[in-house]
mmCIF file of all heavy atoms, coordinates in Angstrom:
data_MODEL
# 
_entry.id   MODEL 
# 
loop_
_atom_site.group_PDB 
_atom_site.id 
_atom_site.type_symbol 
_atom_site.label_atom_id 
_atom_site.label_alt_id 
_atom_site.label_comp_id 
_atom_site.label_asym_id 
_atom_site.label_entity_id 
_atom_site.label_seq_id 
_atom_site.pdbx_PDB_ins_code 
_atom_site.Cartn_x 
_atom_site.Cartn_y 
_atom_site.Cartn_z 
_atom_site.occupancy 
_atom_site.B_iso_or_equiv 
_atom_site.pdbx_formal_charge 
_atom_site.auth_seq_id 
_atom_site.auth_comp_id 
_atom_site.auth_asym_id 
_atom_site.auth_atom_id 
_atom_site.pdbx_PDB_model_num 
ATOM 1   N N   . PHE A 1 1  ? 0.398  9.889  -7.536  1.00 0.00 ? 1  PHE A N   1 
ATOM 2   C CA  . PHE A 1 1  ? 0.968  8.657  -8.092  1.00 0.00 ? 1  PHE A CA  1 
ATOM 3   C C   . PHE A 1 1  ? 2.496  8.662  -7.983  1.00 0.00 ? 1  PHE A C   1 
ATOM 4   O O   . PHE A 1 1  ? 3.112  7.679  -7.541  1.00 0.00 ? 1  PHE A O   1 
ATOM 5   C CB  . PHE A 1 1  ? 0.548  8.491  -9.562  1.00 0.00 ? 1  PHE A CB  1 
ATOM 6   C CG  . PHE A 1 1  ? 1.226  7.348  -10.261 1.00 0.00 ? 1  PHE A CG  1 
ATOM 7   C CD1 . PHE A 1 1  ? 0.850  6.035  -9.999  1.00 0.00 ? 1  PHE A CD1 1 
ATOM 8   C CD2 . PHE A 1 1  ? 2.258  7.573  -11.162 1.00 0.00 ? 1  PHE A CD2 1 
ATOM 9   C CE1 . PHE A 1 1  ? 1.493  4.972  -10.630 1.00 0.00 ? 1  PHE A CE1 1 
ATOM 10  C CE2 . PHE A 1 1  ? 2.900  6.531  -11.797 1.00 0.00 ? 1  PHE A CE2 1 
ATOM 11  C CZ  . PHE A 1 1  ? 2.505  5.215  -11.525 1.00 0.00 ? 1  PHE A CZ  1 
ATOM 12  N N   . GLU A 1 2  ? 3.110  9.768  -8.361  1.00 0.00 ? 2  GLU A N   1 
ATOM 13  C CA  . GLU A 1 2  ? 4.572  9.854  -8.340  1.00 0.00 ? 2  GLU A CA  1 
ATOM 14  C C   . GLU A 1 2  ? 5.106  9.793  -6.909  1.00 0.00 ? 2  GLU A C   1 
ATOM 15  O O   . GLU A 1 2  ? 6.170  9.204  -6.662  1.00 0.00 ? 2  GLU A O   1 
ATOM 16  C CB  . GLU A 1 2  ? 5.024  11.126 -9.061  1.00 0.00 ? 2  GLU A CB  1 
ATOM 17  C CG  . GLU A 1 2  ? 4.836  11.008 -10.576 1.00 0.00 ? 2  GLU A CG  1 
ATOM 18  C CD  . GLU A 1 2  ? 4.933  12.344 -11.303 1.00 0.00 ? 2  GLU A CD  1 
ATOM 19  O OE1 . GLU A 1 2  ? 5.275  13.363 -10.655 1.00 0.00 ? 2  GLU A OE1 1 
ATOM 20  O OE2 . GLU A 1 2  ? 4.661  12.364 -12.509 1.00 0.00 ? 2  GLU A OE2 1 
ATOM 21  N N   . ALA A 1 3  ? 4.372  10.384 -5.959  1.00 0.00 ? 3  ALA A N   1 
ATOM 22  C CA  . ALA A 1 3  ? 4.797  10.331 -4.552  1.00 0.00 ? 3  ALA A CA  1 
ATOM 23  C C   . ALA A 1 3  ? 4.765  8.893  -4.039  1.00 0.00 ? 3  ALA A C   1 
ATOM 24  O O   . ALA A 1 3  ? 5.677  8.456  -3.321  1.00 0.00 ? 3  ALA A O   1 
ATOM 25  C CB  . ALA A 1 3  ? 3.893  11.223 -3.705  1.00 0.00 ? 3  ALA A CB  1 
ATOM 26  N N   . ILE A 1 4  ? 3.736  8.149  -4.408  1.00 0.00 ? 4  ILE A N   1 
ATOM 27  C CA  . ILE A 1 4  ? 3.631  6.749  -3.985  1.00 0.00 ? 4  ILE A CA  1 
ATOM 28  C C   . ILE A 1 4  ? 4.765  5.920  -4.598  1.00 0.00 ? 4  ILE A C   1 
ATOM 29  O O   . ILE A 1 4  ? 5.394  5.102  -3.912  1.00 0.00 ? 4  ILE A O   1 
ATOM 30  C CB  . ILE A 1 4  ? 2.248  6.174  -4.366  1.00 0.00 ? 4  ILE A CB  1 
ATOM 31  C CG1 . ILE A 1 4  ? 1.197  6.687  -3.383  1.00 0.00 ? 4  ILE A CG1 1 
ATOM 32  C CG2 . ILE A 1 4  ? 2.257  4.648  -4.380  1.00 0.00 ? 4  ILE A CG2 1 
ATOM 33  C CD1 . ILE A 1 4  ? -0.220 6.334  -3.751  1.00 0.00 ? 4  ILE A CD1 1 
ATOM 34  N N   . MET A 1 5  ? 5.037  6.147  -5.869  1.00 0.00 ? 5  MET A N   1 
ATOM 35  C CA  . MET A 1 5  ? 6.110  5.379  -6.519  1.00 0.00 ? 5  MET A CA  1 
ATOM 36  C C   . MET A 1 5  ? 7.468  5.701  -5.906  1.00 0.00 ? 5  MET A C   1 
ATOM 37  O O   . MET A 1 5  ? 8.317  4.817  -5.772  1.00 0.00 ? 5  MET A O   1 
ATOM 38  C CB  . MET A 1 5  ? 6.121  5.641  -8.030  1.00 0.00 ? 5  MET A CB  1 
ATOM 39  C CG  . MET A 1 5  ? 4.880  5.152  -8.771  1.00 0.00 ? 5  MET A CG  1 
ATOM 40  S SD  . MET A 1 5  ? 4.363  3.457  -8.375  1.00 0.00 ? 5  MET A SD  1 
ATOM 41  C CE  . MET A 1 5  ? 5.805  2.521  -8.876  1.00 0.00 ? 5  MET A CE  1 
ATOM 42  N N   . ARG A 1 6  ? 7.682  6.963  -5.514  1.00 0.00 ? 6  ARG A N   1 
ATOM 43  C CA  . ARG A 1 6  ? 8.945  7.323  -4.845  1.00 0.00 ? 6  ARG A CA  1 
ATOM 44  C C   . ARG A 1 6  ? 9.098  6.539  -3.553  1.00 0.00 ? 6  ARG A C   1 
ATOM 45  O O   . ARG A 1 6  ? 10.183 6.046  -3.227  1.00 0.00 ? 6  ARG A O   1 
ATOM 46  C CB  . ARG A 1 6  ? 8.988  8.830  -4.541  1.00 0.00 ? 6  ARG A CB  1 
ATOM 47  C CG  . ARG A 1 6  ? 9.553  9.688  -5.631  1.00 0.00 ? 6  ARG A CG  1 
ATOM 48  C CD  . ARG A 1 6  ? 9.925  11.082 -5.140  1.00 0.00 ? 6  ARG A CD  1 
ATOM 49  N NE  . ARG A 1 6  ? 8.796  11.828 -4.605  1.00 0.00 ? 6  ARG A NE  1 
ATOM 50  C CZ  . ARG A 1 6  ? 7.910  12.492 -5.334  1.00 0.00 ? 6  ARG A CZ  1 
ATOM 51  N NH1 . ARG A 1 6  ? 8.031  12.495 -6.654  1.00 0.00 ? 6  ARG A NH1 1 
ATOM 52  N NH2 . ARG A 1 6  ? 6.924  13.152 -4.785  1.00 0.00 ? 6  ARG A NH2 1 
ATOM 53  N N   . TRP A 1 7  ? 8.009  6.451  -2.797  1.00 0.00 ? 7  TRP A N   1 
ATOM 54  C CA  . TRP A 1 7  ? 8.037  5.738  -1.512  1.00 0.00 ? 7  TRP A CA  1 
ATOM 55  C C   . TRP A 1 7  ? 8.296  4.248  -1.725  1.00 0.00 ? 7  TRP A C   1 
ATOM 56  O O   . TRP A 1 7  ? 9.123  3.653  -1.045  1.00 0.00 ? 7  TRP A O   1 
ATOM 57  C CB  . TRP A 1 7  ? 6.715  5.962  -0.781  1.00 0.00 ? 7  TRP A CB  1 
ATOM 58  C CG  . TRP A 1 7  ? 6.650  5.315  0.573   1.00 0.00 ? 7  TRP A CG  1 
ATOM 59  C CD1 . TRP A 1 7  ? 7.075  5.845  1.751   1.00 0.00 ? 7  TRP A CD1 1 
ATOM 60  C CD2 . TRP A 1 7  ? 6.148  4.007  0.881   1.00 0.00 ? 7  TRP A CD2 1 
ATOM 61  N NE1 . TRP A 1 7  ? 6.857  4.961  2.784   1.00 0.00 ? 7  TRP A NE1 1 
ATOM 62  C CE2 . TRP A 1 7  ? 6.289  3.816  2.281   1.00 0.00 ? 7  TRP A CE2 1 
ATOM 63  C CE3 . TRP A 1 7  ? 5.589  2.987  0.125   1.00 0.00 ? 7  TRP A CE3 1 
ATOM 64  C CZ2 . TRP A 1 7  ? 5.900  2.645  2.910   1.00 0.00 ? 7  TRP A CZ2 1 
ATOM 65  C CZ3 . TRP A 1 7  ? 5.191  1.811  0.751   1.00 0.00 ? 7  TRP A CZ3 1 
ATOM 66  C CH2 . TRP A 1 7  ? 5.349  1.647  2.127   1.00 0.00 ? 7  TRP A CH2 1 
ATOM 67  N N   . VAL A 1 8  ? 7.614  3.639  -2.677  1.00 0.00 ? 8  VAL A N   1 
ATOM 68  C CA  . VAL A 1 8  ? 7.780  2.197  -2.931  1.00 0.00 ? 8  VAL A CA  1 
ATOM 69  C C   . VAL A 1 8  ? 9.195  1.899  -3.402  1.00 0.00 ? 8  VAL A C   1 
ATOM 70  O O   . VAL A 1 8  ? 9.834  0.932  -2.953  1.00 0.00 ? 8  VAL A O   1 
ATOM 71  C CB  . VAL A 1 8  ? 6.745  1.700  -3.966  1.00 0.00 ? 8  VAL A CB  1 
ATOM 72  C CG1 . VAL A 1 8  ? 7.030  0.260  -4.378  1.00 0.00 ? 8  VAL A CG1 1 
ATOM 73  C CG2 . VAL A 1 8  ? 5.329  1.807  -3.396  1.00 0.00 ? 8  VAL A CG2 1 
ATOM 74  N N   . LYS A 1 9  ? 9.727  2.727  -4.285  1.00 0.00 ? 9  LYS A N   1 
ATOM 75  C CA  . LYS A 1 9  ? 11.048 2.459  -4.879  1.00 0.00 ? 9  LYS A CA  1 
ATOM 76  C C   . LYS A 1 9  ? 12.193 2.707  -3.907  1.00 0.00 ? 9  LYS A C   1 
ATOM 77  O O   . LYS A 1 9  ? 13.339 2.341  -4.190  1.00 0.00 ? 9  LYS A O   1 
ATOM 78  C CB  . LYS A 1 9  ? 11.229 3.304  -6.143  1.00 0.00 ? 9  LYS A CB  1 
ATOM 79  C CG  . LYS A 1 9  ? 10.365 2.805  -7.296  1.00 0.00 ? 9  LYS A CG  1 
ATOM 80  C CD  . LYS A 1 9  ? 10.516 3.667  -8.530  1.00 0.00 ? 9  LYS A CD  1 
ATOM 81  C CE  . LYS A 1 9  ? 9.674  3.139  -9.679  1.00 0.00 ? 9  LYS A CE  1 
ATOM 82  N NZ  . LYS A 1 9  ? 9.792  3.988  -10.884 1.00 0.00 ? 9  LYS A NZ  1 
ATOM 83  N N   . LYS A 1 10 ? 11.890 3.305  -2.756  1.00 0.00 ? 10 LYS A N   1 
ATOM 84  C CA  . LYS A 1 10 ? 12.921 3.463  -1.722  1.00 0.00 ? 10 LYS A CA  1 
ATOM 85  C C   . LYS A 1 10 ? 13.369 2.083  -1.211  1.00 0.00 ? 10 LYS A C   1 
ATOM 86  O O   . LYS A 1 10 ? 14.533 1.888  -0.883  1.00 0.00 ? 10 LYS A O   1 
ATOM 87  C CB  . LYS A 1 10 ? 12.351 4.308  -0.564  1.00 0.00 ? 10 LYS A CB  1 
ATOM 88  C CG  . LYS A 1 10 ? 13.230 4.412  0.661   1.00 0.00 ? 10 LYS A CG  1 
ATOM 89  C CD  . LYS A 1 10 ? 14.442 5.288  0.425   1.00 0.00 ? 10 LYS A CD  1 
ATOM 90  C CE  . LYS A 1 10 ? 15.214 5.478  1.721   1.00 0.00 ? 10 LYS A CE  1 
ATOM 91  N NZ  . LYS A 1 10 ? 16.470 6.203  1.530   1.00 0.00 ? 10 LYS A NZ  1 
ATOM 92  N N   . ASP A 1 11 ? 12.435 1.127  -1.194  1.00 0.00 ? 11 ASP A N   1 
ATOM 93  C CA  . ASP A 1 11 ? 12.746 -0.235 -0.763  1.00 0.00 ? 11 ASP A CA  1 
ATOM 94  C C   . ASP A 1 11 ? 11.771 -1.195 -1.465  1.00 0.00 ? 11 ASP A C   1 
ATOM 95  O O   . ASP A 1 11 ? 10.841 -1.724 -0.847  1.00 0.00 ? 11 ASP A O   1 
ATOM 96  C CB  . ASP A 1 11 ? 12.609 -0.351 0.760   1.00 0.00 ? 11 ASP A CB  1 
ATOM 97  C CG  . ASP A 1 11 ? 13.135 -1.693 1.285   1.00 0.00 ? 11 ASP A CG  1 
ATOM 98  O OD1 . ASP A 1 11 ? 13.454 -2.572 0.457   1.00 0.00 ? 11 ASP A OD1 1 
ATOM 99  O OD2 . ASP A 1 11 ? 13.207 -1.853 2.522   1.00 0.00 ? 11 ASP A OD2 1 
ATOM 100 N N   . PRO A 1 12 ? 11.943 -1.381 -2.788  1.00 0.00 ? 12 PRO A N   1 
ATOM 101 C CA  . PRO A 1 12 ? 10.944 -2.119 -3.570  1.00 0.00 ? 12 PRO A CA  1 
ATOM 102 C C   . PRO A 1 12 ? 10.712 -3.552 -3.099  1.00 0.00 ? 12 PRO A C   1 
ATOM 103 O O   . PRO A 1 12 ? 9.585  -4.047 -3.153  1.00 0.00 ? 12 PRO A O   1 
ATOM 104 C CB  . PRO A 1 12 ? 11.503 -2.084 -4.999  1.00 0.00 ? 12 PRO A CB  1 
ATOM 105 C CG  . PRO A 1 12 ? 12.931 -1.688 -4.863  1.00 0.00 ? 12 PRO A CG  1 
ATOM 106 C CD  . PRO A 1 12 ? 13.049 -0.889 -3.620  1.00 0.00 ? 12 PRO A CD  1 
ATOM 107 N N   . GLU A 1 13 ? 11.753 -4.216 -2.618  1.00 0.00 ? 13 GLU A N   1 
ATOM 108 C CA  . GLU A 1 13 ? 11.581 -5.606 -2.183  1.00 0.00 ? 13 GLU A CA  1 
ATOM 109 C C   . GLU A 1 13 ? 10.596 -5.704 -1.024  1.00 0.00 ? 13 GLU A C   1 
ATOM 110 O O   . GLU A 1 13 ? 9.773  -6.623 -0.959  1.00 0.00 ? 13 GLU A O   1 
ATOM 111 C CB  . GLU A 1 13 ? 12.940 -6.205 -1.773  1.00 0.00 ? 13 GLU A CB  1 
ATOM 112 C CG  . GLU A 1 13 ? 13.832 -6.518 -2.966  1.00 0.00 ? 13 GLU A CG  1 
ATOM 113 C CD  . GLU A 1 13 ? 15.088 -7.260 -2.531  1.00 0.00 ? 13 GLU A CD  1 
ATOM 114 O OE1 . GLU A 1 13 ? 15.113 -7.786 -1.401  1.00 0.00 ? 13 GLU A OE1 1 
ATOM 115 O OE2 . GLU A 1 13 ? 16.042 -7.294 -3.335  1.00 0.00 ? 13 GLU A OE2 1 
ATOM 116 N N   . LEU A 1 14 ? 10.680 -4.760 -0.122  1.00 0.00 ? 14 LEU A N   1 
ATOM 117 C CA  . LEU A 1 14 ? 9.827  -4.790 1.057   1.00 0.00 ? 14 LEU A CA  1 
ATOM 118 C C   . LEU A 1 14 ? 8.474  -4.113 0.813   1.00 0.00 ? 14 LEU A C   1 
ATOM 119 O O   . LEU A 1 14 ? 7.456  -4.527 1.357   1.00 0.00 ? 14 LEU A O   1 
ATOM 120 C CB  . LEU A 1 14 ? 10.554 -4.099 2.226   1.00 0.00 ? 14 LEU A CB  1 
ATOM 121 C CG  . LEU A 1 14 ? 9.966  -4.298 3.625   1.00 0.00 ? 14 LEU A CG  1 
ATOM 122 C CD1 . LEU A 1 14 ? 10.013 -5.772 4.029   1.00 0.00 ? 14 LEU A CD1 1 
ATOM 123 C CD2 . LEU A 1 14 ? 10.729 -3.444 4.638   1.00 0.00 ? 14 LEU A CD2 1 
ATOM 124 N N   . ARG A 1 15 ? 8.480  -3.069 -0.029  1.00 0.00 ? 15 ARG A N   1 
ATOM 125 C CA  . ARG A 1 15 ? 7.304  -2.213 -0.126  1.00 0.00 ? 15 ARG A CA  1 
ATOM 126 C C   . ARG A 1 15 ? 6.393  -2.507 -1.316  1.00 0.00 ? 15 ARG A C   1 
ATOM 127 O O   . ARG A 1 15 ? 5.263  -2.007 -1.358  1.00 0.00 ? 15 ARG A O   1 
ATOM 128 C CB  . ARG A 1 15 ? 7.733  -0.738 -0.168  1.00 0.00 ? 15 ARG A CB  1 
ATOM 129 C CG  . ARG A 1 15 ? 8.415  -0.288 1.115   1.00 0.00 ? 15 ARG A CG  1 
ATOM 130 C CD  . ARG A 1 15 ? 8.854  1.167  1.056   1.00 0.00 ? 15 ARG A CD  1 
ATOM 131 N NE  . ARG A 1 15 ? 9.349  1.623  2.347   1.00 0.00 ? 15 ARG A NE  1 
ATOM 132 C CZ  . ARG A 1 15 ? 9.755  2.861  2.608   1.00 0.00 ? 15 ARG A CZ  1 
ATOM 133 N NH1 . ARG A 1 15 ? 9.714  3.783  1.648   1.00 0.00 ? 15 ARG A NH1 1 
ATOM 134 N NH2 . ARG A 1 15 ? 10.199 3.179  3.809   1.00 0.00 ? 15 ARG A NH2 1 
ATOM 135 N N   . SER A 1 16 ? 6.850  -3.281 -2.285  1.00 0.00 ? 16 SER A N   1 
ATOM 136 C CA  . SER A 1 16 ? 6.036  -3.508 -3.479  1.00 0.00 ? 16 SER A CA  1 
ATOM 137 C C   . SER A 1 16 ? 4.710  -4.204 -3.138  1.00 0.00 ? 16 SER A C   1 
ATOM 138 O O   . SER A 1 16 ? 3.707  -4.001 -3.824  1.00 0.00 ? 16 SER A O   1 
ATOM 139 C CB  . SER A 1 16 ? 6.813  -4.327 -4.523  1.00 0.00 ? 16 SER A CB  1 
ATOM 140 O OG  . SER A 1 16 ? 7.235  -5.553 -3.966  1.00 0.00 ? 16 SER A OG  1 
ATOM 141 N N   . LYS A 1 17 ? 4.702  -4.970 -2.075  1.00 0.00 ? 17 LYS A N   1 
ATOM 142 C CA  . LYS A 1 17 ? 3.461  -5.648 -1.667  1.00 0.00 ? 17 LYS A CA  1 
ATOM 143 C C   . LYS A 1 17 ? 2.384  -4.646 -1.251  1.00 0.00 ? 17 LYS A C   1 
ATOM 144 O O   . LYS A 1 17 ? 1.178  -4.949 -1.258  1.00 0.00 ? 17 LYS A O   1 
ATOM 145 C CB  . LYS A 1 17 ? 3.736  -6.628 -0.528  1.00 0.00 ? 17 LYS A CB  1 
ATOM 146 C CG  . LYS A 1 17 ? 4.080  -5.967 0.810   1.00 0.00 ? 17 LYS A CG  1 
ATOM 147 C CD  . LYS A 1 17 ? 4.333  -6.984 1.895   1.00 0.00 ? 17 LYS A CD  1 
ATOM 148 C CE  . LYS A 1 17 ? 4.484  -6.359 3.281   1.00 0.00 ? 17 LYS A CE  1 
ATOM 149 N NZ  . LYS A 1 17 ? 5.401  -5.221 3.343   1.00 0.00 ? 17 LYS A NZ  1 
ATOM 150 N N   . ASP A 1 18 ? 2.787  -3.421 -0.847  1.00 0.00 ? 18 ASP A N   1 
ATOM 151 C CA  . ASP A 1 18 ? 1.833  -2.396 -0.416  1.00 0.00 ? 18 ASP A CA  1 
ATOM 152 C C   . ASP A 1 18 ? 1.299  -1.563 -1.585  1.00 0.00 ? 18 ASP A C   1 
ATOM 153 O O   . ASP A 1 18 ? 0.363  -0.783 -1.402  1.00 0.00 ? 18 ASP A O   1 
ATOM 154 C CB  . ASP A 1 18 ? 2.494  -1.438 0.594   1.00 0.00 ? 18 ASP A CB  1 
ATOM 155 C CG  . ASP A 1 18 ? 2.959  -2.152 1.852   1.00 0.00 ? 18 ASP A CG  1 
ATOM 156 O OD1 . ASP A 1 18 ? 2.165  -2.948 2.382   1.00 0.00 ? 18 ASP A OD1 1 
ATOM 157 O OD2 . ASP A 1 18 ? 4.111  -1.931 2.280   1.00 0.00 ? 18 ASP A OD2 1 
ATOM 158 N N   . LEU A 1 19 ? 1.898  -1.729 -2.776  1.00 0.00 ? 19 LEU A N   1 
ATOM 159 C CA  . LEU A 1 19 ? 1.526  -0.863 -3.900  1.00 0.00 ? 19 LEU A CA  1 
ATOM 160 C C   . LEU A 1 19 ? 0.048  -0.973 -4.275  1.00 0.00 ? 19 LEU A C   1 
ATOM 161 O O   . LEU A 1 19 ? -0.596 0.061  -4.494  1.00 0.00 ? 19 LEU A O   1 
ATOM 162 C CB  . LEU A 1 19 ? 2.427  -1.145 -5.110  1.00 0.00 ? 19 LEU A CB  1 
ATOM 163 C CG  . LEU A 1 19 ? 2.143  -0.286 -6.349  1.00 0.00 ? 19 LEU A CG  1 
ATOM 164 C CD1 . LEU A 1 19 ? 2.279  1.202  -6.021  1.00 0.00 ? 19 LEU A CD1 1 
ATOM 165 C CD2 . LEU A 1 19 ? 3.080  -0.665 -7.494  1.00 0.00 ? 19 LEU A CD2 1 
ATOM 166 N N   . PRO A 1 20 ? -0.540 -2.179 -4.396  1.00 0.00 ? 20 PRO A N   1 
ATOM 167 C CA  . PRO A 1 20 ? -1.958 -2.234 -4.789  1.00 0.00 ? 20 PRO A CA  1 
ATOM 168 C C   . PRO A 1 20 ? -2.875 -1.434 -3.867  1.00 0.00 ? 20 PRO A C   1 
ATOM 169 O O   . PRO A 1 20 ? -3.755 -0.698 -4.335  1.00 0.00 ? 20 PRO A O   1 
ATOM 170 C CB  . PRO A 1 20 ? -2.277 -3.738 -4.738  1.00 0.00 ? 20 PRO A CB  1 
ATOM 171 C CG  . PRO A 1 20 ? -0.973 -4.410 -4.965  1.00 0.00 ? 20 PRO A CG  1 
ATOM 172 C CD  . PRO A 1 20 ? 0.047  -3.535 -4.281  1.00 0.00 ? 20 PRO A CD  1 
ATOM 173 N N   . GLN A 1 21 ? -2.652 -1.563 -2.559  1.00 0.00 ? 21 GLN A N   1 
ATOM 174 C CA  . GLN A 1 21 ? -3.502 -0.838 -1.610  1.00 0.00 ? 21 GLN A CA  1 
ATOM 175 C C   . GLN A 1 21 ? -3.295 0.674  -1.727  1.00 0.00 ? 21 GLN A C   1 
ATOM 176 O O   . GLN A 1 21 ? -4.249 1.452  -1.661  1.00 0.00 ? 21 GLN A O   1 
ATOM 177 C CB  . GLN A 1 21 ? -3.187 -1.305 -0.189  1.00 0.00 ? 21 GLN A CB  1 
ATOM 178 C CG  . GLN A 1 21 ? -4.164 -0.754 0.852   1.00 0.00 ? 21 GLN A CG  1 
ATOM 179 C CD  . GLN A 1 21 ? -3.816 -1.207 2.267   1.00 0.00 ? 21 GLN A CD  1 
ATOM 180 O OE1 . GLN A 1 21 ? -2.686 -1.606 2.534   1.00 0.00 ? 21 GLN A OE1 1 
ATOM 181 N NE2 . GLN A 1 21 ? -4.783 -1.153 3.174   1.00 0.00 ? 21 GLN A NE2 1 
ATOM 182 N N   . LEU A 1 22 ? -2.057 1.102  -1.922  1.00 0.00 ? 22 LEU A N   1 
ATOM 183 C CA  . LEU A 1 22 ? -1.762 2.529  -2.066  1.00 0.00 ? 22 LEU A CA  1 
ATOM 184 C C   . LEU A 1 22 ? -2.297 3.070  -3.387  1.00 0.00 ? 22 LEU A C   1 
ATOM 185 O O   . LEU A 1 22 ? -2.868 4.164  -3.450  1.00 0.00 ? 22 LEU A O   1 
ATOM 186 C CB  . LEU A 1 22 ? -0.253 2.769  -1.966  1.00 0.00 ? 22 LEU A CB  1 
ATOM 187 C CG  . LEU A 1 22 ? 0.376  2.524  -0.591  1.00 0.00 ? 22 LEU A CG  1 
ATOM 188 C CD1 . LEU A 1 22 ? 1.895  2.486  -0.694  1.00 0.00 ? 22 LEU A CD1 1 
ATOM 189 C CD2 . LEU A 1 22 ? -0.066 3.610  0.403   1.00 0.00 ? 22 LEU A CD2 1 
ATOM 190 N N   . LEU A 1 23 ? -2.118 2.286  -4.457  1.00 0.00 ? 23 LEU A N   1 
ATOM 191 C CA  . LEU A 1 23 ? -2.569 2.729  -5.776  1.00 0.00 ? 23 LEU A CA  1 
ATOM 192 C C   . LEU A 1 23 ? -4.096 2.859  -5.822  1.00 0.00 ? 23 LEU A C   1 
ATOM 193 O O   . LEU A 1 23 ? -4.636 3.691  -6.554  1.00 0.00 ? 23 LEU A O   1 
ATOM 194 C CB  . LEU A 1 23 ? -2.091 1.747  -6.853  1.00 0.00 ? 23 LEU A CB  1 
ATOM 195 C CG  . LEU A 1 23 ? -2.094 2.263  -8.295  1.00 0.00 ? 23 LEU A CG  1 
ATOM 196 C CD1 . LEU A 1 23 ? -1.165 3.457  -8.442  1.00 0.00 ? 23 LEU A CD1 1 
ATOM 197 C CD2 . LEU A 1 23 ? -1.698 1.154  -9.260  1.00 0.00 ? 23 LEU A CD2 1 
ATOM 198 N N   . ALA A 1 24 ? -4.776 2.042  -5.012  1.00 0.00 ? 24 ALA A N   1 
ATOM 199 C CA  . ALA A 1 24 ? -6.241 2.119  -4.947  1.00 0.00 ? 24 ALA A CA  1 
ATOM 200 C C   . ALA A 1 24 ? -6.711 3.458  -4.379  1.00 0.00 ? 24 ALA A C   1 
ATOM 201 O O   . ALA A 1 24 ? -7.869 3.853  -4.573  1.00 0.00 ? 24 ALA A O   1 
ATOM 202 C CB  . ALA A 1 24 ? -6.791 0.974  -4.107  1.00 0.00 ? 24 ALA A CB  1 
ATOM 203 N N   . ALA A 1 25 ? -5.819 4.153  -3.660  1.00 0.00 ? 25 ALA A N   1 
ATOM 204 C CA  . ALA A 1 25 ? -6.169 5.466  -3.102  1.00 0.00 ? 25 ALA A CA  1 
ATOM 205 C C   . ALA A 1 25 ? -5.902 6.606  -4.080  1.00 0.00 ? 25 ALA A C   1 
ATOM 206 O O   . ALA A 1 25 ? -6.292 7.748  -3.837  1.00 0.00 ? 25 ALA A O   1 
ATOM 207 C CB  . ALA A 1 25 ? -5.395 5.704  -1.807  1.00 0.00 ? 25 ALA A CB  1 
ATOM 208 N N   . VAL A 1 26 ? -5.215 6.295  -5.189  1.00 0.00 ? 26 VAL A N   1 
ATOM 209 C CA  . VAL A 1 26 ? -4.957 7.300  -6.229  1.00 0.00 ? 26 VAL A CA  1 
ATOM 210 C C   . VAL A 1 26 ? -6.171 7.356  -7.151  1.00 0.00 ? 26 VAL A C   1 
ATOM 211 O O   . VAL A 1 26 ? -6.715 6.321  -7.537  1.00 0.00 ? 26 VAL A O   1 
ATOM 212 C CB  . VAL A 1 26 ? -3.693 6.957  -7.041  1.00 0.00 ? 26 VAL A CB  1 
ATOM 213 C CG1 . VAL A 1 26 ? -3.423 8.031  -8.087  1.00 0.00 ? 26 VAL A CG1 1 
ATOM 214 C CG2 . VAL A 1 26 ? -2.492 6.802  -6.124  1.00 0.00 ? 26 VAL A CG2 1 
# 
């Protein structure tokens, strides 16, 4: 979970849309 959040927060405007799909893998 923390690794995914680190990746998303690197560019939240662009990457936040990918969070649901990534979080589903946690």
